[in-house]
Amino acid sequence: MSKTKRLNRDHAKKTQRPMLEDRIIAEHLTNLLIPTIKSQSQYFRELGLRDRILTLP
C-alpha cells in the first residue's frame, strides 16, 4: 500500500500581473496617509519625542 503524493495545482501557474487598479489604490492611500504621517511627526517633535526609527539588533 503506497501513498501517492498529492499535488497542489493552485500553485502550478503564477499569473499575478500588476494591474492599473493597484496603482490607483496605492496613489489614493498615499494621498490619504502622507499628510497624517507628517502631522503626527510634527506633533512628536513638539512633544520632544524621538524622531527616528528604532531597529532590532
PDB file of N, CA and C in Angstrom:
ATOM      1  N   MET A   1       0.845  -1.171   0.000  1.00  0.00           N
ATOM      2  CA  MET A   1       0.000   0.000   0.000  1.00  0.00           C
ATOM      3  C   MET A   1       0.893   1.238   0.000  1.00  0.00           C
ATOM      4  N   SER A   2       1.050   1.866  -1.124  1.00  0.00           N
ATOM      5  CA  SER A   2       1.897   3.045  -1.219  1.00  0.00           C
ATOM      6  C   SER A   2       1.040   4.308  -1.250  1.00  0.00           C
ATOM      7  N   LYS A   3       1.568   5.343  -0.638  1.00  0.00           N
ATOM      8  CA  LYS A   3       0.860   6.624  -0.621  1.00  0.00           C
ATOM      9  C   LYS A   3       1.238   7.412  -1.867  1.00  0.00           C
ATOM     10  N   THR A   4       0.260   8.021  -2.483  1.00  0.00           N
ATOM     11  CA  THR A   4       0.552   8.868  -3.632  1.00  0.00           C
ATOM     12  C   THR A   4       0.719  10.301  -3.155  1.00  0.00           C
ATOM     13  N   LYS A   5       1.602  10.990  -3.805  1.00  0.00           N
ATOM     14  CA  LYS A   5       1.868  12.375  -3.442  1.00  0.00           C
ATOM     15  C   LYS A   5       0.768  13.260  -4.030  1.00  0.00           C
ATOM     16  N   ARG A   6       0.148  14.046  -3.182  1.00  0.00           N
ATOM     17  CA  ARG A   6      -0.895  14.955  -3.639  1.00  0.00           C
ATOM     18  C   ARG A   6      -0.258  16.209  -4.222  1.00  0.00           C
ATOM     19  N   LEU A   7      -0.769  16.644  -5.323  1.00  0.00           N
ATOM     20  CA  LEU A   7      -0.261  17.849  -5.955  1.00  0.00           C
ATOM     21  C   LEU A   7      -1.228  19.002  -5.710  1.00  0.00           C
ATOM     22  N   ASN A   8      -0.676  20.136  -5.453  1.00  0.00           N
ATOM     23  CA  ASN A   8      -1.478  21.334  -5.267  1.00  0.00           C
ATOM     24  C   ASN A   8      -1.396  22.150  -6.552  1.00  0.00           C
ATOM     25  N   ARG A   9      -2.389  22.025  -7.399  1.00  0.00           N
ATOM     26  CA  ARG A   9      -2.368  22.690  -8.697  1.00  0.00           C
ATOM     27  C   ARG A   9      -2.655  24.189  -8.627  1.00  0.00           C
ATOM     28  N   ASP A  10      -3.042  24.686  -7.440  1.00  0.00           N
ATOM     29  CA  ASP A  10      -3.269  26.123  -7.310  1.00  0.00           C
ATOM     30  C   ASP A  10      -1.978  26.906  -7.493  1.00  0.00           C
ATOM     31  N   HIS A  11      -0.872  26.289  -7.197  1.00  0.00           N
ATOM     32  CA  HIS A  11       0.412  26.974  -7.285  1.00  0.00           C
ATOM     33  C   HIS A  11       1.209  26.560  -8.525  1.00  0.00           C
ATOM     34  N   ALA A  12       0.580  25.890  -9.444  1.00  0.00           N
ATOM     35  CA  ALA A  12       1.297  25.435 -10.626  1.00  0.00           C
ATOM     36  C   ALA A  12       1.660  26.603 -11.544  1.00  0.00           C
ATOM     37  N   LYS A  13       0.733  27.527 -11.747  1.00  0.00           N
ATOM     38  CA  LYS A  13       0.991  28.682 -12.598  1.00  0.00           C
ATOM     39  C   LYS A  13       0.741  29.948 -11.796  1.00  0.00           C
ATOM     40  N   LYS A  14       1.718  30.807 -11.781  1.00  0.00           N
ATOM     41  CA  LYS A  14       1.552  32.088 -11.115  1.00  0.00           C
ATOM     42  C   LYS A  14       1.220  33.127 -12.174  1.00  0.00           C
ATOM     43  N   THR A  15       0.017  33.602 -12.138  1.00  0.00           N
ATOM     44  CA  THR A  15      -0.433  34.563 -13.147  1.00  0.00           C
ATOM     45  C   THR A  15      -0.746  35.901 -12.506  1.00  0.00           C
ATOM     46  N   GLN A  16       0.132  36.344 -11.626  1.00  0.00           N
ATOM     47  CA  GLN A  16      -0.074  37.644 -10.996  1.00  0.00           C
ATOM     48  C   GLN A  16       0.574  38.712 -11.863  1.00  0.00           C
ATOM     49  N   ARG A  17      -0.218  39.667 -12.233  1.00  0.00           N
ATOM     50  CA  ARG A  17       0.280  40.778 -13.041  1.00  0.00           C
ATOM     51  C   ARG A  17      -0.085  42.082 -12.362  1.00  0.00           C
ATOM     52  N   PRO A  18       0.770  43.083 -12.430  1.00  0.00           N
ATOM     53  CA  PRO A  18       0.393  44.375 -11.868  1.00  0.00           C
ATOM     54  C   PRO A  18      -0.765  44.967 -12.662  1.00  0.00           C
ATOM     55  N   MET A  19      -1.734  45.453 -11.945  1.00  0.00           N
ATOM     56  CA  MET A  19      -2.928  45.985 -12.600  1.00  0.00           C
ATOM     57  C   MET A  19      -3.000  47.489 -12.389  1.00  0.00           C
ATOM     58  N   LEU A  20      -3.730  48.155 -13.226  1.00  0.00           N
ATOM     59  CA  LEU A  20      -3.897  49.595 -13.146  1.00  0.00           C
ATOM     60  C   LEU A  20      -4.565  49.976 -11.823  1.00  0.00           C
ATOM     61  N   GLU A  21      -5.531  49.194 -11.376  1.00  0.00           N
ATOM     62  CA  GLU A  21      -6.243  49.497 -10.151  1.00  0.00           C
ATOM     63  C   GLU A  21      -5.311  49.503  -8.949  1.00  0.00           C
ATOM     64  N   ASP A  22      -4.280  48.642  -8.959  1.00  0.00           N
ATOM     65  CA  ASP A  22      -3.323  48.611  -7.862  1.00  0.00           C
ATOM     66  C   ASP A  22      -2.592  49.944  -7.746  1.00  0.00           C
ATOM     67  N   ARG A  23      -2.213  50.514  -8.876  1.00  0.00           N
ATOM     68  CA  ARG A  23      -1.533  51.801  -8.877  1.00  0.00           C
ATOM     69  C   ARG A  23      -2.453  52.905  -8.373  1.00  0.00           C
ATOM     70  N   ILE A  24      -3.696  52.863  -8.786  1.00  0.00           N
ATOM     71  CA  ILE A  24      -4.658  53.876  -8.364  1.00  0.00           C
ATOM     72  C   ILE A  24      -4.918  53.780  -6.866  1.00  0.00           C
ATOM     73  N   ILE A  25      -5.057  52.572  -6.357  1.00  0.00           N
ATOM     74  CA  ILE A  25      -5.284  52.373  -4.927  1.00  0.00           C
ATOM     75  C   ILE A  25      -4.069  52.831  -4.136  1.00  0.00           C
ATOM     76  N   ALA A  26      -2.879  52.496  -4.594  1.00  0.00           N
ATOM     77  CA  ALA A  26      -1.655  52.906  -3.903  1.00  0.00           C
ATOM     78  C   ALA A  26      -1.529  54.424  -3.880  1.00  0.00           C
ATOM     79  N   GLU A  27      -1.863  55.076  -4.976  1.00  0.00           N
ATOM     80  CA  GLU A  27      -1.794  56.536  -5.041  1.00  0.00           C
ATOM     81  C   GLU A  27      -2.821  57.165  -4.101  1.00  0.00           C
ATOM     82  N   HIS A  28      -4.004  56.587  -4.065  1.00  0.00           N
ATOM     83  CA  HIS A  28      -5.053  57.099  -3.181  1.00  0.00           C
ATOM     84  C   HIS A  28      -4.640  56.949  -1.714  1.00  0.00           C
ATOM     85  N   LEU A  29      -4.088  55.801  -1.355  1.00  0.00           N
ATOM     86  CA  LEU A  29      -3.632  55.593   0.019  1.00  0.00           C
ATOM     87  C   LEU A  29      -2.494  56.546   0.377  1.00  0.00           C
ATOM     88  N   THR A  30      -1.603  56.775  -0.562  1.00  0.00           N
ATOM     89  CA  THR A  30      -0.509  57.708  -0.324  1.00  0.00           C
ATOM     90  C   THR A  30      -1.051  59.105  -0.060  1.00  0.00           C
ATOM     91  N   ASN A  31      -2.016  59.529  -0.866  1.00  0.00           N
ATOM     92  CA  ASN A  31      -2.606  60.856  -0.681  1.00  0.00           C
ATOM     93  C   ASN A  31      -3.341  60.967   0.651  1.00  0.00           C
ATOM     94  N   LEU A  32      -3.876  59.872   1.139  1.00  0.00           N
ATOM     95  CA  LEU A  32      -4.566  59.894   2.427  1.00  0.00           C
ATOM     96  C   LEU A  32      -3.606  59.854   3.610  1.00  0.00           C
ATOM     97  N   LEU A  33      -2.552  59.052   3.499  1.00  0.00           N
ATOM     98  CA  LEU A  33      -1.697  58.783   4.652  1.00  0.00           C
ATOM     99  C   LEU A  33      -0.554  59.772   4.853  1.00  0.00           C
ATOM    100  N   ILE A  34       0.022  60.295   3.789  1.00  0.00           N
ATOM    101  CA  ILE A  34       1.195  61.165   3.927  1.00  0.00           C
ATOM    102  C   ILE A  34       0.893  62.400   4.775  1.00  0.00           C
ATOM    103  N   PRO A  35      -0.214  63.122   4.560  1.00  0.00           N
ATOM    104  CA  PRO A  35      -0.488  64.270   5.440  1.00  0.00           C
ATOM    105  C   PRO A  35      -0.661  63.878   6.910  1.00  0.00           C
ATOM    106  N   THR A  36      -1.271  62.748   7.152  1.00  0.00           N
ATOM    107  CA  THR A  36      -1.468  62.281   8.524  1.00  0.00           C
ATOM    108  C   THR A  36      -0.131  61.945   9.175  1.00  0.00           C
ATOM    109  N   ILE A  37       0.733  61.272   8.441  1.00  0.00           N
ATOM    110  CA  ILE A  37       2.045  60.900   8.977  1.00  0.00           C
ATOM    111  C   ILE A  37       2.871  62.148   9.276  1.00  0.00           C
ATOM    112  N   LYS A  38       2.835  63.128   8.380  1.00  0.00           N
ATOM    113  CA  LYS A  38       3.606  64.355   8.589  1.00  0.00           C
ATOM    114  C   LYS A  38       3.086  65.139   9.788  1.00  0.00           C
ATOM    115  N   SER A  39       1.768  65.203   9.959  1.00  0.00           N
ATOM    116  CA  SER A  39       1.231  65.941  11.098  1.00  0.00           C
ATOM    117  C   SER A  39       1.552  65.216  12.404  1.00  0.00           C
ATOM    118  N   GLN A  40       1.518  63.903  12.390  1.00  0.00           N
ATOM    119  CA  GLN A  40       1.857  63.143  13.584  1.00  0.00           C
ATOM    120  C   GLN A  40       3.342  63.298  13.914  1.00  0.00           C
ATOM    121  N   SER A  41       4.177  63.330  12.897  1.00  0.00           N
ATOM    122  CA  SER A  41       5.605  63.528  13.102  1.00  0.00           C
ATOM    123  C   SER A  41       5.866  64.905  13.723  1.00  0.00           C
ATOM    124  N   GLN A  42       5.159  65.915  13.244  1.00  0.00           N
ATOM    125  CA  GLN A  42       5.290  67.271  13.799  1.00  0.00           C
ATOM    126  C   GLN A  42       4.845  67.285  15.260  1.00  0.00           C
ATOM    127  N   TYR A  43       3.785  66.575  15.570  1.00  0.00           N
ATOM    128  CA  TYR A  43       3.289  66.501  16.946  1.00  0.00           C
ATOM    129  C   TYR A  43       4.319  65.827  17.854  1.00  0.00           C
ATOM    130  N   PHE A  44       4.965  64.761  17.381  1.00  0.00           N
ATOM    131  CA  PHE A  44       6.003  64.090  18.169  1.00  0.00           C
ATOM    132  C   PHE A  44       7.178  65.031  18.425  1.00  0.00           C
ATOM    133  N   ARG A  45       7.554  65.836  17.415  1.00  0.00           N
ATOM    134  CA  ARG A  45       8.649  66.793  17.598  1.00  0.00           C
ATOM    135  C   ARG A  45       8.288  67.829  18.659  1.00  0.00           C
ATOM    136  N   GLU A  46       7.021  68.277  18.638  1.00  0.00           N
ATOM    137  CA  GLU A  46       6.583  69.253  19.640  1.00  0.00           C
ATOM    138  C   GLU A  46       6.632  68.666  21.047  1.00  0.00           C
ATOM    139  N   LEU A  47       6.374  67.392  21.186  1.00  0.00           N
ATOM    140  CA  LEU A  47       6.419  66.730  22.487  1.00  0.00           C
ATOM    141  C   LEU A  47       7.845  66.384  22.913  1.00  0.00           C
ATOM    142  N   GLY A  48       8.788  66.491  21.991  1.00  0.00           N
ATOM    143  CA  GLY A  48      10.179  66.176  22.309  1.00  0.00           C
ATOM    144  C   GLY A  48      10.478  64.688  22.246  1.00  0.00           C
ATOM    145  N   LEU A  49       9.662  63.943  21.543  1.00  0.00           N
ATOM    146  CA  LEU A  49       9.884  62.506  21.409  1.00  0.00           C
ATOM    147  C   LEU A  49      10.906  62.233  20.311  1.00  0.00           C
ATOM    148  N   ARG A  50      11.397  61.016  20.261  1.00  0.00           N
ATOM    149  CA  ARG A  50      12.412  60.640  19.279  1.00  0.00           C
ATOM    150  C   ARG A  50      11.846  60.719  17.865  1.00  0.00           C
ATOM    151  N   ASP A  51      12.668  61.206  16.977  1.00  0.00           N
ATOM    152  CA  ASP A  51      12.279  61.311  15.574  1.00  0.00           C
ATOM    153  C   ASP A  51      13.172  60.406  14.735  1.00  0.00           C
ATOM    154  N   ARG A  52      13.205  59.133  15.090  1.00  0.00           N
ATOM    155  CA  ARG A  52      13.993  58.175  14.329  1.00  0.00           C
ATOM    156  C   ARG A  52      13.336  56.807  14.411  1.00  0.00           C
ATOM    157  N   ILE A  53      13.724  55.934  13.529  1.00  0.00           N
ATOM    158  CA  ILE A  53      13.198  54.583  13.504  1.00  0.00           C
ATOM    159  C   ILE A  53      14.159  53.693  14.278  1.00  0.00           C
ATOM    160  N   LEU A  54      13.639  52.999  15.260  1.00  0.00           N
ATOM    161  CA  LEU A  54      14.475  52.075  16.026  1.00  0.00           C
ATOM    162  C   LEU A  54      14.528  50.737  15.297  1.00  0.00           C
ATOM    163  N   THR A  55      15.712  50.173  15.213  1.00  0.00           N
ATOM    164  CA  THR A  55      15.872  48.897  14.532  1.00  0.00           C
ATOM    165  C   THR A  55      16.215  47.815  15.549  1.00  0.00           C
ATOM    166  N   LEU A  56      15.883  46.616  15.210  1.00  0.00           N
ATOM    167  CA  LEU A  56      16.208  45.494  16.073  1.00  0.00           C
ATOM    168  C   LEU A  56      17.623  45.014  15.756  1.00  0.00           C
ATOM    169  N   PRO A  57      18.371  44.576  16.767  1.00  0.00           N
ATOM    170  CA  PRO A  57      19.746  44.117  16.520  1.00  0.00           C
ATOM    171  C   PRO A  57      19.772  42.829  15.710  1.00  0.00           C
TER     172      PRO A  57
END
